[in-house]
Structure formats: structure tokens, C-alpha cells
Amino acid sequence: MVTTMMSKKIILAFFVIFLLIGFIQIYTVTSQSPAVRLVLVDETGRPLTKVSKNVEVQVQIEALVPTPEVYRTIFYGSLRKPSLLKFWDSGNTVKIPLSDENLQYVLEVWKKEYPEGTTSSLAISVWVLDYENGKVYRGFATIGCSSADLLKGFKRVVKIDIHRLPPSPLLPSEGTEVGNSTTQGSTLTPLGSNRQFYYWKIDWNLSWRPLNYLEVPVLIVDNKGSYSGTVNAWIDTTSTYTTRFGVTIAYGFKISGTETPTLDIYGNEFYTLQNKYEFAWGLLLRPNEKGYIYIKAKPIHLHEKEYYCTASLNNCVPTEKERIREGISDVETSGKEIIGGSKYELSDSSIMYWTYHGLDMRYATTLNPGDSEPLGILVSNTLGSCFTNFGIGVPIGALAVAMSGGTVPPWAAGLSIGIDYASSSPFVVFGVL
């Protein structure tokens, strides 16, 4: 009887302890200060900290900024699943307080550029260190965040496909070093410690970003043939829908040391900027005339190298894994209107050369007198269904090769990004005799 009573008391004591822990956790959640909270999961929705029984997730988060810096790292840390005492917590949430100095800087520069607010992006790189199976998985994602979001804080679930790229084996020091120095359940900042960590750095000797706005062609029309009809082509977007500027990511091994590297290219799901912009320009081209429509923007071609560091960013060695990131970092606007125009000529000859370089020109359709055809259908029929998410392609790679003074290699000319509009109907090409 005494033993039974003691067992009940012990069980009751444990129950009370768990209740207290639960109340403490609830109080902590309700009293949290405003912050940016990103819940990191894989492509199936599973927390990255639960990929196996022994996992560390290293996270690098960069914010796009409208300055020559292009991206500023606002977070670097490590996540692990907490101990059993916090069984309800997966430990896969990154928290950046609104008081963070780098986050405040990001808000300040965007507010100066867009006083009424805009939606830029955060770029998230992860390394999932699976100690149980001896593998490192890499992943990348972007999320859009408005100035209003950053001012008040937000929480968002971010899906990252960590199985798109093949995993690499853990280095021998990774398993022992992290096992000796990692505290379960803590968010670590390895800088200044003796720990090893991965990090992406931009190699500015291999990158290109203009300091001023450039004329970036978004539609090029060449009305070849003396017997062809007059072509009236225009782009018209309204602030009713959202216009998004895409990012293209290309991964490879020793990219900078290869004339024709093998790349894994992704680009129909990542964005740098999005807003309800307005833009309307057109062309009227008679036979044998050509022209283009452009926007004033700052294109970027960033060549990044992955490093394996110990203690600080000053003690790193390259892993020889590299990636290219292309996009639009900023557009010139007047209110909601994107500044741009049209010209009855083609762009600079070197730009046009690299724009057409390596392209597979395919026949799209024939326009009879009075016929019209939506540009979205022409693009879809020509390029295939996998590209239909792109509203219009922008030859960022060709611009980079032509204007970088030899910094960007010729093979990059084939890289482009997409400008995605929520409704494709305004993108129309008419042929009229």
C-alpha cells in the first residue's frame, strides 16, 4: 500500500512538473518580443532538425538591399532539436529580433528608396549536417517580405528542398568537433568560437553589378522580311496585379576554373522584388524594322563560393562548390510606375550578340492580316510547359558578359531571369496589315 501511494505521488509530481514547464513555455510564447521568425522545413514539410536522429542545421540569411552591397547577412546560426524536456519544440525556428542592427539597417535603406514601402526578399541558405548518416545536404530559398512585415515582425514557414542537390560526405572533423561543442536546444553563433561552419561569400572579382540604373531590355522585336506585316507590340502591366522579378540560381563544382561548367540551374520559384507596379510601353514596327522595350533597373550577376571556416570568417578554406545568383536588385520608379521606354533600334551590338549567343531559335507561329496572338502562348509553345511560369525572360547573363569588361565568362550569357506577372493577358503581340 505504501509503495502504491509513493508511486502515485511520484507520478503526480512528474505531472505537476510537466504542467509547470508547459505553463512556463506558454508564458514565454505569449510574452515574446516582436521578431522575424522563420520555421524551416524540407520539401515534404518535415522540420529540418528531424531529417535524422542527430542533425545540425547551419543557416545563413541575407537581406536584399538597394546598395552596392546587394545582400547583407542578417543572421548566421545553428539549429538543433532540443532535449526531451522540450519535446514539443522541433528547434527549427530562426528568430531575428526587430532590434537587430543589421535588420534595422535593411529597413532604413529600403525606406529611403521606397518611402511608401515595397516588397523585397530574404535569401536563405542552409546546410543540414546529418551526423547519423555522415552526409551534408544543401538548400536555398527566398521569401518576399514587405517593409510593413519587417516593421512589426512576422512568422513564416519556409520550405527548402534539400534533396534537389546531391549530398556530400561529412568532413572527418565535423562529426567530432560539433559533437564536443554543440549544446542541445540552443541557437548558436559559431563566429568567435572554435567550431567549424559553412558560409557563402560573394567573389567580387568574378561578379558584376552596376552602380547606376541601366536600360534592361524586356521585349526585343525584329520584324524581318520586306513583305511582312506591320507589328504593333507592347507591354502593359497595371497595379491591379503583382509583378515579380525572378532569381536564377546555378550550382556547380569549380565553376570559376572551367570554361564550360556543368550547372544545376533553378529559377522558376525564387524572387528578389515584387510589387504592384505599373508599366506601359509599345512599338509599331514596319517591315525590316526592329526595336526593344526596356525598364530602368539594376541587374546583378553574383559569383559565390562556399567556404568551410573555423572560428571566424578570416579562417576559411574553399570547398570548391560554387553558385551563380542572377536577378534584379532594384528598379527605378516614380510612385508605382516603373521607369522605362522603347527604342526603334536594337540594343548595343555586343549585348545583342551575347543575347543571341547559343540560343536555339525556333519558329513560333504565323500571323495573318488582322490576327493576334498572346505573347504568353508564343513563349509557351516555343519553350515548352516547364517555362510557362515565366512571364518574360530578361537576358541578365548577356548583359553581364557584354558589360563586365571580361569579368563574367562567355558561358554565363545563356543565363536569364523571368519577370512574372499575375495575369498574362496584357502581354500581347499584334500583327496588322
Protein backbone atom coordinates (compact mmCIF):
# COMPACT_ATOMS: atom_id res chain seq x y z
CA MET A 1 0.00 0.00 0.00
CA VAL A 2 2.83 2.39 0.91
CA THR A 3 4.65 1.56 -2.34
CA THR A 4 1.49 2.23 -4.33
CA MET A 5 0.93 5.56 -2.62
CA MET A 6 4.57 6.55 -3.21
CA SER A 7 4.28 5.64 -6.92
CA LYS A 8 1.17 7.76 -7.24
CA LYS A 9 2.93 10.68 -5.55
CA ILE A 10 5.92 10.35 -7.87
CA ILE A 11 3.66 10.22 -10.94
CA LEU A 12 1.71 13.22 -9.62
CA ALA A 13 4.97 15.10 -9.02
CA PHE A 14 6.15 14.46 -12.58
CA PHE A 15 2.74 15.51 -13.90
CA VAL A 16 2.91 18.77 -11.94
CA ILE A 17 6.46 19.41 -13.24
CA PHE A 18 5.36 18.91 -16.86
CA LEU A 19 2.38 21.20 -16.26
CA LEU A 20 4.70 23.87 -14.86
CA ILE A 21 7.04 23.52 -17.83
CA GLY A 22 4.04 23.85 -20.14
CA PHE A 23 2.81 26.99 -18.35
CA ILE A 24 6.31 28.49 -18.46
CA GLN A 25 6.50 27.76 -22.20
CA ILE A 26 3.06 29.27 -22.83
CA TYR A 27 4.02 32.38 -20.86
CA THR A 28 7.28 32.64 -22.81
CA VAL A 29 5.47 32.41 -26.17
CA THR A 30 2.85 34.98 -25.24
CA SER A 31 5.44 37.43 -23.96
CA GLN A 32 7.84 37.12 -26.91
CA SER A 33 9.19 40.38 -28.27
CA PRO A 34 8.48 41.25 -31.94
CA ALA A 35 10.82 39.41 -34.29
CA VAL A 36 11.19 37.76 -37.67
CA ARG A 37 10.58 34.03 -37.11
CA LEU A 38 11.28 31.56 -39.90
CA VAL A 39 10.22 27.93 -39.41
CA LEU A 40 12.49 25.84 -41.64
CA VAL A 41 11.10 22.60 -43.14
CA ASP A 42 12.13 20.38 -46.05
CA GLU A 43 10.18 19.92 -49.28
CA THR A 44 7.78 17.48 -47.56
CA GLY A 45 7.07 19.78 -44.62
CA ARG A 46 9.30 17.92 -42.16
CA PRO A 47 11.36 20.09 -39.75
CA LEU A 48 14.96 20.27 -40.95
CA THR A 49 16.08 19.32 -37.44
CA LYS A 50 14.29 15.97 -37.83
CA VAL A 51 15.95 14.73 -41.02
CA SER A 52 17.61 12.08 -38.84
CA LYS A 53 18.17 11.44 -35.12
CA ASN A 54 21.35 13.53 -34.97
CA VAL A 55 21.20 16.66 -37.10
CA GLU A 56 22.59 20.18 -37.01
CA VAL A 57 21.21 22.84 -39.36
CA GLN A 58 23.51 25.74 -40.18
CA VAL A 59 21.61 28.76 -41.52
CA GLN A 60 22.76 31.88 -43.41
CA ILE A 61 20.11 34.54 -44.09
CA GLU A 62 20.75 37.53 -46.35
CA ALA A 63 18.52 40.52 -46.98
CA LEU A 64 18.42 42.22 -50.38
CA VAL A 65 19.40 45.89 -50.14
CA PRO A 66 19.32 48.64 -52.83
CA THR A 67 23.01 49.46 -52.35
CA PRO A 68 26.26 48.23 -53.97
CA GLU A 69 26.44 45.65 -51.17
CA VAL A 70 23.40 43.92 -52.83
CA TYR A 71 22.93 41.43 -49.97
CA ARG A 72 23.61 41.86 -46.27
CA THR A 73 23.86 38.84 -43.97
CA ILE A 74 21.43 39.44 -41.12
CA PHE A 75 21.68 36.01 -39.47
CA TYR A 76 24.13 33.18 -39.15
CA GLY A 77 23.44 30.43 -36.65
CA SER A 78 22.94 26.77 -35.97
CA LEU A 79 19.77 24.88 -35.02
CA ARG A 80 19.33 21.54 -33.28
CA LYS A 81 16.38 19.69 -31.84
CA PRO A 82 16.09 20.44 -28.10
CA SER A 83 16.31 17.84 -25.33
CA LEU A 84 13.34 15.72 -24.24
CA LEU A 85 12.34 18.33 -21.64
CA LYS A 86 11.14 20.44 -24.59
CA PHE A 87 9.55 17.58 -26.51
CA TRP A 88 7.02 19.91 -28.18
CA ASP A 89 9.71 22.05 -29.80
CA SER A 90 11.36 20.93 -33.04
CA GLY A 91 14.07 23.56 -32.69
CA ASN A 92 13.74 24.51 -36.35
CA THR A 93 12.78 28.18 -35.93
CA VAL A 94 15.17 31.04 -36.63
CA LYS A 95 14.45 34.17 -34.61
CA ILE A 96 15.81 37.60 -35.56
CA PRO A 97 14.78 40.36 -33.11
CA LEU A 98 13.50 43.56 -34.69
CA SER A 99 16.12 45.39 -32.67
CA ASP A 100 18.88 43.60 -34.62
CA GLU A 101 21.32 46.18 -36.00
CA ASN A 102 21.54 44.62 -39.48
CA LEU A 103 17.77 44.26 -39.75
CA GLN A 104 17.31 47.91 -38.80
CA TYR A 105 19.84 48.87 -41.49
CA VAL A 106 17.85 46.94 -44.09
CA LEU A 107 14.65 48.75 -43.10
CA GLU A 108 16.40 52.10 -43.24
CA VAL A 109 17.85 51.75 -46.76
CA TRP A 110 14.59 50.43 -48.25
CA LYS A 111 12.57 53.18 -46.57
CA LYS A 112 14.90 55.74 -48.10
CA GLU A 113 14.48 54.17 -51.56
CA TYR A 114 10.73 53.50 -51.28
CA PRO A 115 9.11 55.82 -48.69
CA GLU A 116 5.69 54.25 -49.34
CA GLY A 117 7.08 50.75 -48.82
CA THR A 118 7.86 47.82 -51.12
CA THR A 119 8.38 44.08 -51.01
CA SER A 120 11.97 42.86 -51.26
CA SER A 121 13.29 39.46 -50.19
CA LEU A 122 15.32 37.37 -47.80
CA ALA A 123 17.65 34.70 -49.21
CA ILE A 124 18.04 31.61 -47.01
CA SER A 125 20.90 29.11 -47.40
CA VAL A 126 21.05 26.00 -45.24
CA TRP A 127 23.47 23.17 -44.60
CA VAL A 128 21.86 20.14 -42.97
CA LEU A 129 24.61 18.16 -41.25
CA ASP A 130 23.33 14.61 -40.80
CA TYR A 131 25.77 13.06 -38.31
CA GLU A 132 23.84 9.81 -38.15
CA ASN A 133 24.39 9.07 -41.84
CA GLY A 134 27.54 11.13 -42.45
CA LYS A 135 26.07 13.50 -45.06
CA VAL A 136 25.68 17.23 -45.70
CA TYR A 137 22.56 18.43 -47.52
CA ARG A 138 22.38 21.94 -49.00
CA GLY A 139 19.36 24.03 -49.81
CA PHE A 140 18.26 27.53 -50.82
CA ALA A 141 15.03 29.52 -50.75
CA THR A 142 13.82 33.10 -50.92
CA ILE A 143 10.81 34.69 -49.28
CA GLY A 144 9.23 38.02 -50.01
CA CYS A 145 8.86 40.43 -47.11
CA SER A 146 7.39 43.91 -47.17
CA SER A 147 8.60 46.90 -45.22
CA ALA A 148 5.45 46.61 -43.11
CA ASP A 149 6.28 42.96 -42.31
CA LEU A 150 9.75 43.87 -41.13
CA LEU A 151 8.47 46.77 -39.04
CA LYS A 152 6.09 44.66 -36.97
CA GLY A 153 7.71 41.22 -37.24
CA PHE A 154 6.22 38.05 -38.69
CA LYS A 155 6.32 34.27 -38.57
CA ARG A 156 6.52 32.17 -41.74
CA VAL A 157 7.04 28.55 -42.65
CA VAL A 158 9.80 28.24 -45.29
CA LYS A 159 10.03 25.10 -47.42
CA ILE A 160 13.55 24.29 -48.58
CA ASP A 161 14.27 21.43 -50.98
CA ILE A 162 17.40 19.85 -49.50
CA HIS A 163 17.30 16.83 -51.81
CA ARG A 164 17.44 18.72 -55.11
CA LEU A 165 21.24 18.80 -54.96
CA PRO A 166 23.18 15.58 -54.21
CA PRO A 167 24.53 15.42 -50.63
CA SER A 168 28.25 15.42 -49.89
CA PRO A 169 30.04 13.40 -47.18
CA LEU A 170 30.78 14.98 -43.83
CA LEU A 171 34.37 16.02 -43.32
CA PRO A 172 36.08 13.99 -40.54
CA SER A 173 36.40 16.99 -38.22
CA GLU A 174 32.71 17.84 -38.48
CA GLY A 175 31.41 14.91 -36.51
CA THR A 176 33.89 15.21 -33.63
CA GLU A 177 34.10 18.98 -33.40
CA VAL A 178 30.38 19.64 -33.37
CA GLY A 179 29.68 16.72 -31.09
CA ASN A 180 32.03 18.19 -28.48
CA SER A 181 30.86 21.77 -28.64
CA THR A 182 27.17 21.90 -29.52
CA THR A 183 24.60 22.45 -26.82
CA GLN A 184 21.24 20.80 -27.47
CA GLY A 185 18.38 23.19 -27.97
CA SER A 186 20.44 26.34 -28.37
CA THR A 187 20.71 28.70 -31.32
CA LEU A 188 24.44 29.02 -31.86
CA THR A 189 26.52 31.71 -33.43
CA PRO A 190 29.78 29.92 -34.27
CA LEU A 191 31.68 33.11 -35.12
CA GLY A 192 34.28 33.64 -32.39
CA SER A 193 34.18 30.03 -31.17
CA ASN A 194 36.35 27.09 -32.20
CA ARG A 195 33.60 25.46 -34.22
CA GLN A 196 33.56 24.72 -37.94
CA PHE A 197 30.84 26.07 -40.21
CA TYR A 198 29.94 26.58 -43.87
CA TYR A 199 29.48 30.02 -45.41
CA TRP A 200 28.72 31.55 -48.83
CA LYS A 201 30.87 34.53 -49.87
CA ILE A 202 30.49 36.70 -52.97
CA ASP A 203 33.66 36.82 -55.07
CA TRP A 204 33.50 40.38 -56.37
CA ASN A 205 36.38 39.69 -58.78
CA LEU A 206 34.04 37.37 -60.68
CA SER A 207 30.78 39.25 -60.13
CA TRP A 208 29.06 42.20 -61.80
CA ARG A 209 26.59 44.75 -60.52
CA PRO A 210 26.16 48.25 -61.99
CA LEU A 211 26.08 51.19 -59.60
CA ASN A 212 23.54 53.07 -61.74
CA TYR A 213 20.26 52.07 -63.38
CA LEU A 214 20.65 50.50 -66.84
CA GLU A 215 18.30 50.08 -69.77
CA VAL A 216 17.36 46.42 -69.36
CA PRO A 217 15.54 45.04 -72.44
CA VAL A 218 12.36 43.13 -71.58
CA LEU A 219 10.98 42.74 -75.13
CA ILE A 220 13.01 42.69 -78.36
CA VAL A 221 11.17 42.70 -81.70
CA ASP A 222 12.85 42.22 -85.09
CA ASN A 223 10.29 42.45 -87.90
CA LYS A 224 12.35 40.70 -90.55
CA GLY A 225 11.36 40.48 -94.16
CA SER A 226 10.31 43.11 -96.75
CA TYR A 227 6.89 41.50 -97.19
CA SER A 228 5.99 41.08 -93.56
CA GLY A 229 3.15 43.00 -91.93
CA THR A 230 3.36 45.90 -89.52
CA VAL A 231 3.88 44.70 -85.96
CA ASN A 232 2.38 46.55 -83.02
CA ALA A 233 3.93 45.16 -79.81
CA TRP A 234 3.59 46.42 -76.29
CA ILE A 235 3.83 45.54 -72.62
CA ASP A 236 1.13 46.77 -70.29
CA THR A 237 1.00 45.96 -66.58
CA THR A 238 -1.31 47.53 -64.04
CA SER A 239 -1.16 47.86 -60.26
CA THR A 240 -4.14 45.51 -60.03
CA TYR A 241 -1.73 42.58 -60.11
CA THR A 242 1.69 41.85 -58.67
CA THR A 243 4.81 41.93 -60.82
CA ARG A 244 7.68 39.75 -59.55
CA PHE A 245 11.33 39.80 -60.59
CA GLY A 246 12.84 36.33 -60.56
CA VAL A 247 16.15 34.93 -59.37
CA THR A 248 18.15 32.29 -61.23
CA ILE A 249 20.47 30.07 -59.18
CA ALA A 250 23.13 27.89 -60.84
CA TYR A 251 25.16 25.44 -58.74
CA GLY A 252 28.37 23.76 -59.84
CA PHE A 253 31.80 22.45 -58.85
CA LYS A 254 34.84 24.62 -59.60
CA ILE A 255 32.75 26.88 -61.83
CA SER A 256 35.39 29.59 -61.90
CA GLY A 257 38.05 27.19 -63.17
CA THR A 258 36.03 25.64 -66.01
CA GLU A 259 35.42 27.03 -69.50
CA THR A 260 32.12 25.15 -69.92
CA PRO A 261 30.95 24.14 -66.44
CA THR A 262 28.16 21.69 -65.70
CA LEU A 263 25.45 23.53 -63.79
CA ASP A 264 22.29 22.66 -61.91
CA ILE A 265 20.02 25.62 -62.71
CA TYR A 266 16.90 26.65 -60.83
CA GLY A 267 14.83 29.74 -61.37
CA ASN A 268 11.04 29.49 -61.51
CA GLU A 269 10.31 29.83 -57.79
CA PHE A 270 12.67 32.47 -56.36
CA TYR A 271 12.20 36.25 -56.47
CA THR A 272 14.10 39.40 -55.49
CA LEU A 273 11.41 42.08 -55.78
CA GLN A 274 7.65 42.10 -56.06
CA ASN A 275 5.14 44.91 -56.03
CA LYS A 276 2.03 46.19 -57.74
CA TYR A 277 3.94 48.13 -60.37
CA GLU A 278 2.62 49.94 -63.43
CA PHE A 279 4.37 49.90 -66.79
CA ALA A 280 3.16 50.56 -70.34
CA TRP A 281 5.26 50.98 -73.49
CA GLY A 282 4.84 49.86 -77.08
CA LEU A 283 6.42 49.58 -80.52
CA LEU A 284 5.00 49.96 -84.04
CA LEU A 285 7.36 48.27 -86.49
CA ARG A 286 7.05 48.23 -90.28
CA PRO A 287 8.81 45.59 -92.42
CA ASN A 288 12.56 45.34 -91.80
CA GLU A 289 12.32 47.47 -88.64
CA LYS A 290 13.41 46.42 -85.19
CA GLY A 291 13.23 47.77 -81.67
CA TYR A 292 13.00 46.98 -78.00
CA ILE A 293 11.17 47.92 -74.83
CA TYR A 294 13.24 48.41 -71.69
CA ILE A 295 12.97 49.14 -67.98
CA LYS A 296 15.47 51.10 -65.87
CA ALA A 297 16.85 48.59 -63.37
CA LYS A 298 19.98 47.26 -61.65
CA PRO A 299 20.72 43.70 -62.81
CA ILE A 300 23.13 41.55 -60.80
CA HIS A 301 25.39 38.60 -61.58
CA LEU A 302 26.89 37.30 -58.33
CA HIS A 303 29.52 34.56 -58.28
CA GLU A 304 29.56 32.95 -54.85
CA LYS A 305 31.96 30.44 -53.35
CA GLU A 306 31.29 28.13 -50.44
CA TYR A 307 33.85 28.13 -47.62
CA TYR A 308 34.49 25.87 -44.66
CA CYS A 309 35.50 28.09 -41.75
CA THR A 310 36.89 27.63 -38.27
CA ALA A 311 36.17 30.18 -35.53
CA SER A 312 35.75 33.20 -37.85
CA LEU A 313 35.29 34.34 -41.43
CA ASN A 314 39.01 35.13 -41.51
CA ASN A 315 39.95 31.46 -41.20
CA CYS A 316 38.25 29.71 -44.13
CA VAL A 317 39.11 27.31 -46.94
CA PRO A 318 37.09 26.93 -50.17
CA THR A 319 35.12 23.70 -50.64
CA GLU A 320 35.20 24.29 -54.45
CA LYS A 321 31.41 24.31 -54.52
CA GLU A 322 30.23 27.49 -56.23
CA ARG A 323 26.99 29.08 -57.38
CA ILE A 324 25.79 31.91 -59.59
CA ARG A 325 22.94 34.14 -58.48
CA GLU A 326 21.30 36.42 -61.08
CA GLY A 327 18.42 38.81 -60.67
CA ILE A 328 17.23 42.41 -60.46
CA SER A 329 18.25 44.12 -57.23
CA ASP A 330 16.34 47.36 -57.80
CA VAL A 331 14.11 49.11 -60.34
CA GLU A 332 13.76 52.84 -60.90
CA THR A 333 10.24 54.01 -60.17
CA SER A 334 8.10 57.10 -59.93
CA GLY A 335 5.41 56.21 -57.45
CA LYS A 336 4.17 52.81 -58.63
CA GLU A 337 5.30 53.34 -62.24
CA ILE A 338 8.46 51.60 -63.44
CA ILE A 339 10.61 54.00 -65.44
CA GLY A 340 11.38 52.70 -68.91
CA GLY A 341 10.76 53.29 -72.60
CA SER A 342 11.15 51.95 -76.12
CA LYS A 343 13.67 52.48 -78.91
CA TYR A 344 13.48 51.82 -82.65
CA GLU A 345 16.80 50.07 -82.85
CA LEU A 346 18.39 47.11 -81.17
CA SER A 347 20.49 47.31 -78.03
CA ASP A 348 24.26 47.72 -78.18
CA SER A 349 25.72 45.23 -80.69
CA SER A 350 27.74 43.40 -78.02
CA ILE A 351 24.62 42.98 -75.89
CA MET A 352 22.63 41.65 -78.84
CA TYR A 353 25.49 39.31 -79.80
CA TRP A 354 25.54 37.72 -76.36
CA THR A 355 21.75 37.73 -76.14
CA TYR A 356 21.55 35.55 -79.26
CA HIS A 357 24.72 33.61 -78.48
CA GLY A 358 23.97 29.93 -78.10
CA LEU A 359 20.21 30.37 -78.45
CA ASP A 360 18.16 27.79 -80.28
CA MET A 361 15.90 29.96 -82.46
CA ARG A 362 12.58 28.22 -83.09
CA TYR A 363 9.61 29.08 -85.28
CA ALA A 364 6.61 30.10 -83.17
CA THR A 365 3.66 31.00 -85.39
CA THR A 366 2.43 32.92 -88.45
CA LEU A 367 0.21 35.97 -88.07
CA ASN A 368 -2.20 36.54 -90.95
CA PRO A 369 -3.62 40.03 -91.65
CA GLY A 370 -5.65 41.17 -88.64
CA ASP A 371 -4.55 38.21 -86.44
CA SER A 372 -3.22 38.50 -82.91
CA GLU A 373 -1.51 36.08 -80.55
CA PRO A 374 -0.83 36.45 -76.80
CA LEU A 375 2.88 36.55 -76.10
CA GLY A 376 2.43 34.11 -73.21
CA ILE A 377 1.15 31.47 -75.66
CA LEU A 378 4.02 32.13 -78.05
CA VAL A 379 6.53 31.63 -75.23
CA SER A 380 4.76 28.51 -74.01
CA ASN A 381 4.56 26.91 -77.45
CA THR A 382 8.17 27.74 -78.23
CA LEU A 383 9.90 26.89 -74.98
CA GLY A 384 7.73 24.17 -73.51
CA SER A 385 5.48 23.92 -70.48
CA CYS A 386 8.32 23.98 -67.93
CA PHE A 387 8.94 27.65 -68.69
CA THR A 388 5.34 28.90 -68.68
CA ASN A 389 5.69 30.33 -65.17
CA PHE A 390 8.00 32.99 -66.58
CA GLY A 391 6.10 36.00 -67.92
CA ILE A 392 9.01 37.48 -69.86
CA GLY A 393 12.65 36.44 -69.98
CA VAL A 394 15.35 39.03 -69.25
CA PRO A 395 18.89 38.38 -70.58
CA ILE A 396 20.83 39.22 -67.40
CA GLY A 397 23.67 36.87 -68.34
CA ALA A 398 24.13 38.52 -71.73
CA LEU A 399 24.18 41.97 -70.11
CA ALA A 400 26.77 40.79 -67.59
CA VAL A 401 29.07 39.27 -70.22
CA ALA A 402 28.78 42.31 -72.51
CA MET A 403 29.22 44.99 -69.84
CA SER A 404 31.51 43.46 -67.21
CA GLY A 405 34.72 44.07 -69.14
CA GLY A 406 35.66 40.40 -69.21
CA THR A 407 34.86 39.67 -65.55
CA VAL A 408 31.90 37.42 -66.40
CA PRO A 409 32.79 34.47 -68.69
CA PRO A 410 31.01 33.86 -72.03
CA TRP A 411 29.15 30.73 -70.88
CA ALA A 412 27.09 32.90 -68.49
CA ALA A 413 25.40 34.65 -71.44
CA GLY A 414 22.76 31.92 -71.56
CA LEU A 415 21.53 32.63 -68.03
CA SER A 416 18.38 34.73 -67.71
CA ILE A 417 15.66 35.57 -65.24
CA GLY A 418 11.91 35.94 -65.54
CA ILE A 419 9.54 38.82 -64.87
CA ASP A 420 6.35 37.17 -63.68
CA TYR A 421 3.02 38.95 -63.86
CA ALA A 422 -0.06 37.61 -62.10
CA SER A 423 -2.16 37.90 -65.27
CA SER A 424 -0.55 37.13 -68.62
CA SER A 425 -3.34 38.67 -70.72
CA PRO A 426 -1.75 42.14 -71.09
CA PHE A 427 1.32 40.64 -72.77
CA VAL A 428 0.08 40.72 -76.39
CA VAL A 429 1.76 40.86 -79.79
CA PHE A 430 -0.48 42.04 -82.65
CA GLY A 431 0.26 41.78 -86.37
CA VAL A 432 -1.73 44.17 -88.59
CA LEU A 433 -1.51 44.84 -92.34
